[in-house]
């Protein structure tokens, strides 16, 4: 292996040494050759670069869109397509007499008396008619909420209509959700963002 000298004390050092073992000075590093292949990006780095770093263009007029959060093209005022995988900030709130249950977008929550199955089992502990696995409430990434009866003994109702076991039923703001005959919740679901297509120039 070729040797070189320390620029401070002129002692002989090896090419791969980082410091001079005689005087302790930092040694200059040799420049990396330009023809060395760069480390390829990871799958996640490529995904983030595609979703956040790359410029989008308006499908209507073709102008570049610098801000990925833009909903409307600044040039032609037409709605821009939104990237996949974006999660709505909407949080569904069920107002039970025993307390509130919040379900963020992109999640689901089992309602029931079994503490090993339901994170909110304590809210139903004194209601014997509520099954251990009674119903599942879900909010998708877009903020749409639904409830599914998990084959409960005493049923689930939305606005007085019984939910068929295993069938998802949409929930809307102001709905009334009832588990068995015992416990009723008011559904609070914030209004969704308006459709960009309905925006006017003013």
C-alpha atoms as a PDB file:
ATOM      1  CA  UNK A   1       0.000   0.000   0.000  1.00  0.00           C
ATOM      2  CA  UNK A   2       1.514   3.419  -0.901  1.00  0.00           C
ATOM      3  CA  UNK A   3       2.524   5.706   1.950  1.00  0.00           C
ATOM      4  CA  UNK A   4       2.326   9.467   2.364  1.00  0.00           C
ATOM      5  CA  UNK A   5       3.625  12.019   4.833  1.00  0.00           C
ATOM      6  CA  UNK A   6       1.882  14.071   7.490  1.00  0.00           C
ATOM      7  CA  UNK A   7       1.556  17.715   6.322  1.00  0.00           C
ATOM      8  CA  UNK A   8       2.291  18.907   9.898  1.00  0.00           C
ATOM      9  CA  UNK A   9       5.262  16.834  11.112  1.00  0.00           C
ATOM     10  CA  UNK A  10       6.281  15.052   7.888  1.00  0.00           C
ATOM     11  CA  UNK A  11       6.075  11.648   9.571  1.00  0.00           C
ATOM     12  CA  UNK A  12       5.245   8.734   7.331  1.00  0.00           C
ATOM     13  CA  UNK A  13       1.553   7.724   7.456  1.00  0.00           C
ATOM     14  CA  UNK A  14      -0.553   5.163   5.658  1.00  0.00           C
ATOM     15  CA  UNK A  15      -2.995   6.227   2.968  1.00  0.00           C
ATOM     16  CA  UNK A  16      -6.013   5.020   4.980  1.00  0.00           C
ATOM     17  CA  UNK A  17      -4.971   6.713   8.260  1.00  0.00           C
ATOM     18  CA  UNK A  18      -7.320   9.409   9.536  1.00  0.00           C
ATOM     19  CA  UNK A  19      -4.827  10.997  11.956  1.00  0.00           C
ATOM     20  CA  UNK A  20      -1.045  11.152  12.238  1.00  0.00           C
ATOM     21  CA  UNK A  21       0.001   8.786  15.036  1.00  0.00           C
ATOM     22  CA  UNK A  22       3.140  10.888  15.607  1.00  0.00           C
ATOM     23  CA  UNK A  23       1.660  14.370  16.134  1.00  0.00           C
ATOM     24  CA  UNK A  24      -2.090  13.693  16.218  1.00  0.00           C
ATOM     25  CA  UNK A  25      -2.943  15.976  13.287  1.00  0.00           C
ATOM     26  CA  UNK A  26      -5.972  15.208  11.131  1.00  0.00           C
ATOM     27  CA  UNK A  27      -4.899  13.912   7.750  1.00  0.00           C
ATOM     28  CA  UNK A  28      -6.489  15.071   4.490  1.00  0.00           C
ATOM     29  CA  UNK A  29      -8.827  12.529   2.944  1.00  0.00           C
ATOM     30  CA  UNK A  30      -8.367  11.469  -0.630  1.00  0.00           C
ATOM     31  CA  UNK A  31     -11.215  12.515  -2.914  1.00  0.00           C
ATOM     32  CA  UNK A  32     -13.608   9.744  -3.847  1.00  0.00           C
ATOM     33  CA  UNK A  33     -13.538   8.851  -7.540  1.00  0.00           C
ATOM     34  CA  UNK A  34     -16.482  10.242  -9.490  1.00  0.00           C
ATOM     35  CA  UNK A  35     -17.116   6.940 -11.219  1.00  0.00           C
ATOM     36  CA  UNK A  36     -18.007   5.112  -7.973  1.00  0.00           C
ATOM     37  CA  UNK A  37     -21.662   4.103  -8.077  1.00  0.00           C
ATOM     38  CA  UNK A  38     -23.793   6.040  -5.593  1.00  0.00           C
ATOM     39  CA  UNK A  39     -25.648   4.116  -2.928  1.00  0.00           C
ATOM     40  CA  UNK A  40     -29.127   3.489  -4.304  1.00  0.00           C
ATOM     41  CA  UNK A  41     -31.989   5.051  -2.329  1.00  0.00           C
ATOM     42  CA  UNK A  42     -34.084   2.863  -0.077  1.00  0.00           C
ATOM     43  CA  UNK A  43     -37.677   2.105  -1.024  1.00  0.00           C
ATOM     44  CA  UNK A  44     -38.895   4.596   1.600  1.00  0.00           C
ATOM     45  CA  UNK A  45     -36.553   7.348   0.356  1.00  0.00           C
ATOM     46  CA  UNK A  46     -37.794   6.827  -3.187  1.00  0.00           C
ATOM     47  CA  UNK A  47     -41.414   6.914  -1.981  1.00  0.00           C
ATOM     48  CA  UNK A  48     -40.914  10.146  -0.020  1.00  0.00           C
ATOM     49  CA  UNK A  49     -39.080  11.784  -2.889  1.00  0.00           C
ATOM     50  CA  UNK A  50     -41.861  10.837  -5.303  1.00  0.00           C
ATOM     51  CA  UNK A  51     -44.638  12.050  -3.006  1.00  0.00           C
ATOM     52  CA  UNK A  52     -43.032  15.124  -1.450  1.00  0.00           C
ATOM     53  CA  UNK A  53     -40.005  16.208  -3.390  1.00  0.00           C
ATOM     54  CA  UNK A  54     -41.058  15.884  -6.990  1.00  0.00           C
ATOM     55  CA  UNK A  55     -43.000  18.616  -8.710  1.00  0.00           C
ATOM     56  CA  UNK A  56     -46.505  17.786  -9.799  1.00  0.00           C
ATOM     57  CA  UNK A  57     -48.048  19.286 -12.863  1.00  0.00           C
ATOM     58  CA  UNK A  58     -51.640  20.314 -13.445  1.00  0.00           C
ATOM     59  CA  UNK A  59     -53.409  17.757 -15.684  1.00  0.00           C
ATOM     60  CA  UNK A  60     -55.486  20.581 -17.195  1.00  0.00           C
ATOM     61  CA  UNK A  61     -52.903  23.238 -18.172  1.00  0.00           C
ATOM     62  CA  UNK A  62     -49.578  21.448 -17.543  1.00  0.00           C
ATOM     63  CA  UNK A  63     -48.051  24.097 -15.250  1.00  0.00           C
ATOM     64  CA  UNK A  64     -45.760  22.818 -12.472  1.00  0.00           C
ATOM     65  CA  UNK A  65     -47.218  22.710  -8.971  1.00  0.00           C
ATOM     66  CA  UNK A  66     -44.505  23.389  -6.407  1.00  0.00           C
ATOM     67  CA  UNK A  67     -46.542  22.908  -3.220  1.00  0.00           C
ATOM     68  CA  UNK A  68     -47.854  19.344  -2.765  1.00  0.00           C
ATOM     69  CA  UNK A  69     -50.558  20.694  -0.433  1.00  0.00           C
ATOM     70  CA  UNK A  70     -52.199  22.761  -3.189  1.00  0.00           C
ATOM     71  CA  UNK A  71     -55.756  21.686  -3.982  1.00  0.00           C
ATOM     72  CA  UNK A  72     -56.328  24.032  -6.930  1.00  0.00           C
ATOM     73  CA  UNK A  73     -54.048  25.013  -9.805  1.00  0.00           C
ATOM     74  CA  UNK A  74     -52.938  28.640  -9.390  1.00  0.00           C
ATOM     75  CA  UNK A  75     -52.990  29.097 -13.163  1.00  0.00           C
ATOM     76  CA  UNK A  76     -56.258  27.566 -14.428  1.00  0.00           C
ATOM     77  CA  UNK A  77     -58.081  27.239 -11.069  1.00  0.00           C
ATOM     78  CA  UNK A  78     -58.985  23.596 -11.737  1.00  0.00           C
ATOM     79  CA  UNK A  79     -58.815  20.970  -8.946  1.00  0.00           C
ATOM     80  CA  UNK A  80     -55.529  19.085  -8.668  1.00  0.00           C
ATOM     81  CA  UNK A  81     -55.379  15.301  -8.149  1.00  0.00           C
ATOM     82  CA  UNK A  82     -54.381  14.457  -4.607  1.00  0.00           C
ATOM     83  CA  UNK A  83     -51.724  11.889  -3.739  1.00  0.00           C
ATOM     84  CA  UNK A  84     -52.733   8.499  -2.410  1.00  0.00           C
ATOM     85  CA  UNK A  85     -52.288   7.593   1.226  1.00  0.00           C
ATOM     86  CA  UNK A  86     -53.142  10.994   2.684  1.00  0.00           C
ATOM     87  CA  UNK A  87     -55.047  10.638   5.942  1.00  0.00           C
ATOM     88  CA  UNK A  88     -57.846  13.030   6.820  1.00  0.00           C
ATOM     89  CA  UNK A  89     -57.535  14.934  10.119  1.00  0.00           C
ATOM     90  CA  UNK A  90     -61.184  14.070  10.884  1.00  0.00           C
ATOM     91  CA  UNK A  91     -61.860  12.496  14.286  1.00  0.00           C
ATOM     92  CA  UNK A  92     -65.191  10.772  14.949  1.00  0.00           C
ATOM     93  CA  UNK A  93     -66.546  11.374  18.451  1.00  0.00           C
ATOM     94  CA  UNK A  94     -69.173   9.152  20.065  1.00  0.00           C
ATOM     95  CA  UNK A  95     -70.767  10.895  23.056  1.00  0.00           C
ATOM     96  CA  UNK A  96     -71.857   8.153  25.473  1.00  0.00           C
ATOM     97  CA  UNK A  97     -73.391   8.882  28.914  1.00  0.00           C
ATOM     98  CA  UNK A  98     -70.273   7.317  30.460  1.00  0.00           C
ATOM     99  CA  UNK A  99     -67.857   9.462  28.430  1.00  0.00           C
ATOM    100  CA  UNK A 100     -66.637  10.339  24.951  1.00  0.00           C
ATOM    101  CA  UNK A 101     -65.003   7.878  22.574  1.00  0.00           C
ATOM    102  CA  UNK A 102     -62.781   9.380  19.844  1.00  0.00           C
ATOM    103  CA  UNK A 103     -61.850   7.476  16.680  1.00  0.00           C
ATOM    104  CA  UNK A 104     -59.241   9.189  14.418  1.00  0.00           C
ATOM    105  CA  UNK A 105     -59.284   8.751  10.646  1.00  0.00           C
ATOM    106  CA  UNK A 106     -57.480   5.637   9.449  1.00  0.00           C
ATOM    107  CA  UNK A 107     -58.372   3.608  12.541  1.00  0.00           C
ATOM    108  CA  UNK A 108     -61.091   1.359  13.926  1.00  0.00           C
ATOM    109  CA  UNK A 109     -62.240   0.665  17.466  1.00  0.00           C
ATOM    110  CA  UNK A 110     -64.115  -2.264  18.972  1.00  0.00           C
ATOM    111  CA  UNK A 111     -66.949  -1.349  21.334  1.00  0.00           C
ATOM    112  CA  UNK A 112     -67.692  -3.949  23.986  1.00  0.00           C
ATOM    113  CA  UNK A 113     -67.244  -5.104  27.576  1.00  0.00           C
ATOM    114  CA  UNK A 114     -64.181  -7.318  27.082  1.00  0.00           C
ATOM    115  CA  UNK A 115     -61.128  -5.382  28.339  1.00  0.00           C
ATOM    116  CA  UNK A 116     -58.819  -7.731  26.420  1.00  0.00           C
ATOM    117  CA  UNK A 117     -60.564  -6.839  23.147  1.00  0.00           C
ATOM    118  CA  UNK A 118     -61.820  -3.277  23.576  1.00  0.00           C
ATOM    119  CA  UNK A 119     -59.753  -0.257  24.585  1.00  0.00           C
ATOM    120  CA  UNK A 120     -62.938   1.405  25.886  1.00  0.00           C
ATOM    121  CA  UNK A 121     -64.405  -1.585  27.745  1.00  0.00           C
ATOM    122  CA  UNK A 122     -64.636   0.437  30.979  1.00  0.00           C
ATOM    123  CA  UNK A 123     -67.323   2.635  29.384  1.00  0.00           C
ATOM    124  CA  UNK A 124     -69.612  -0.417  29.053  1.00  0.00           C
ATOM    125  CA  UNK A 125     -68.694  -2.368  32.209  1.00  0.00           C
ATOM    126  CA  UNK A 126     -72.037  -1.806  33.974  1.00  0.00           C
ATOM    127  CA  UNK A 127     -74.192  -2.496  30.914  1.00  0.00           C
ATOM    128  CA  UNK A 128     -74.866  -6.243  30.932  1.00  0.00           C
ATOM    129  CA  UNK A 129     -76.839  -6.122  27.656  1.00  0.00           C
ATOM    130  CA  UNK A 130     -73.747  -4.912  25.767  1.00  0.00           C
ATOM    131  CA  UNK A 131     -71.819  -7.883  24.381  1.00  0.00           C
ATOM    132  CA  UNK A 132     -68.161  -8.449  25.124  1.00  0.00           C
ATOM    133  CA  UNK A 133     -67.485  -7.846  21.385  1.00  0.00           C
ATOM    134  CA  UNK A 134     -70.464  -5.742  20.384  1.00  0.00           C
ATOM    135  CA  UNK A 135     -69.652  -3.480  17.416  1.00  0.00           C
ATOM    136  CA  UNK A 136     -66.709  -2.008  15.522  1.00  0.00           C
ATOM    137  CA  UNK A 137     -66.579   1.662  14.582  1.00  0.00           C
ATOM    138  CA  UNK A 138     -64.206   2.574  11.711  1.00  0.00           C
ATOM    139  CA  UNK A 139     -63.084   5.815  10.101  1.00  0.00           C
ATOM    140  CA  UNK A 140     -61.279   5.469   6.773  1.00  0.00           C
ATOM    141  CA  UNK A 141     -58.379   7.641   5.591  1.00  0.00           C
ATOM    142  CA  UNK A 142     -60.815  10.035   3.905  1.00  0.00           C
ATOM    143  CA  UNK A 143     -62.749  10.580   7.154  1.00  0.00           C
ATOM    144  CA  UNK A 144     -65.836   8.469   6.316  1.00  0.00           C
ATOM    145  CA  UNK A 145     -67.203   6.684   9.395  1.00  0.00           C
ATOM    146  CA  UNK A 146     -69.109   3.407   9.670  1.00  0.00           C
ATOM    147  CA  UNK A 147     -70.273   0.913  12.270  1.00  0.00           C
ATOM    148  CA  UNK A 148     -70.484  -2.885  12.007  1.00  0.00           C
ATOM    149  CA  UNK A 149     -72.333  -5.118  14.436  1.00  0.00           C
ATOM    150  CA  UNK A 150     -70.067  -7.983  15.540  1.00  0.00           C
ATOM    151  CA  UNK A 151     -72.919 -10.526  15.879  1.00  0.00           C
ATOM    152  CA  UNK A 152     -73.848  -9.082  19.247  1.00  0.00           C
ATOM    153  CA  UNK A 153     -76.554 -10.711  21.369  1.00  0.00           C
ATOM    154  CA  UNK A 154     -78.777  -7.649  21.667  1.00  0.00           C
ATOM    155  CA  UNK A 155     -78.032  -5.753  18.461  1.00  0.00           C
ATOM    156  CA  UNK A 156     -76.797  -2.367  17.271  1.00  0.00           C
ATOM    157  CA  UNK A 157     -79.023   0.440  15.985  1.00  0.00           C
ATOM    158  CA  UNK A 158     -78.383   3.617  13.960  1.00  0.00           C
ATOM    159  CA  UNK A 159     -81.217   6.162  14.139  1.00  0.00           C
ATOM    160  CA  UNK A 160     -83.589   3.425  15.275  1.00  0.00           C
ATOM    161  CA  UNK A 161     -82.734   1.023  12.430  1.00  0.00           C
ATOM    162  CA  UNK A 162     -81.070  -2.239  13.350  1.00  0.00           C
ATOM    163  CA  UNK A 163     -77.633  -2.864  11.829  1.00  0.00           C
ATOM    164  CA  UNK A 164     -77.372  -6.308  10.263  1.00  0.00           C
ATOM    165  CA  UNK A 165     -74.507  -8.352  11.772  1.00  0.00           C
ATOM    166  CA  UNK A 166     -71.310  -8.105   9.757  1.00  0.00           C
ATOM    167  CA  UNK A 167     -72.615  -5.252   7.564  1.00  0.00           C
ATOM    168  CA  UNK A 168     -70.955  -1.807   7.567  1.00  0.00           C
ATOM    169  CA  UNK A 169     -73.407   1.081   7.942  1.00  0.00           C
ATOM    170  CA  UNK A 170     -72.307   4.693   7.297  1.00  0.00           C
ATOM    171  CA  UNK A 171     -72.397   7.162  10.175  1.00  0.00           C
ATOM    172  CA  UNK A 172     -73.039  10.870   9.737  1.00  0.00           C
ATOM    173  CA  UNK A 173     -72.848  13.858  12.047  1.00  0.00           C
ATOM    174  CA  UNK A 174     -75.869  13.927  14.345  1.00  0.00           C
ATOM    175  CA  UNK A 175     -76.692  10.220  14.024  1.00  0.00           C
ATOM    176  CA  UNK A 176     -77.870   8.266  17.035  1.00  0.00           C
ATOM    177  CA  UNK A 177     -75.938   5.041  17.753  1.00  0.00           C
ATOM    178  CA  UNK A 178     -77.415   2.548  20.217  1.00  0.00           C
ATOM    179  CA  UNK A 179     -75.838  -0.614  21.617  1.00  0.00           C
ATOM    180  CA  UNK A 180     -78.482  -3.091  22.844  1.00  0.00           C
ATOM    181  CA  UNK A 181     -81.276  -1.393  24.778  1.00  0.00           C
ATOM    182  CA  UNK A 182     -78.977   0.142  27.331  1.00  0.00           C
ATOM    183  CA  UNK A 183     -76.622   2.739  25.954  1.00  0.00           C
ATOM    184  CA  UNK A 184     -76.943   5.429  23.303  1.00  0.00           C
ATOM    185  CA  UNK A 185     -74.330   7.738  21.796  1.00  0.00           C
ATOM    186  CA  UNK A 186     -74.590  10.890  19.715  1.00  0.00           C
ATOM    187  CA  UNK A 187     -72.342  10.797  16.644  1.00  0.00           C
ATOM    188  CA  UNK A 188     -70.206  13.908  16.122  1.00  0.00           C
ATOM    189  CA  UNK A 189     -68.395  13.925  12.783  1.00  0.00           C
ATOM    190  CA  UNK A 190     -66.862  17.220  11.583  1.00  0.00           C
ATOM    191  CA  UNK A 191     -67.966  18.462   8.191  1.00  0.00           C
ATOM    192  CA  UNK A 192     -65.694  17.255   5.416  1.00  0.00           C
ATOM    193  CA  UNK A 193     -63.570  19.727   3.458  1.00  0.00           C
ATOM    194  CA  UNK A 194     -65.499  21.178   0.492  1.00  0.00           C
ATOM    195  CA  UNK A 195     -64.878  19.641  -2.908  1.00  0.00           C
ATOM    196  CA  UNK A 196     -62.220  21.750  -4.710  1.00  0.00           C
ATOM    197  CA  UNK A 197     -64.304  21.470  -7.907  1.00  0.00           C
ATOM    198  CA  UNK A 198     -66.931  23.684  -6.267  1.00  0.00           C
ATOM    199  CA  UNK A 199     -64.474  26.542  -5.565  1.00  0.00           C
ATOM    200  CA  UNK A 200     -64.932  29.698  -7.590  1.00  0.00           C
ATOM    201  CA  UNK A 201     -62.316  32.199  -8.702  1.00  0.00           C
ATOM    202  CA  UNK A 202     -63.685  34.626  -6.059  1.00  0.00           C
END
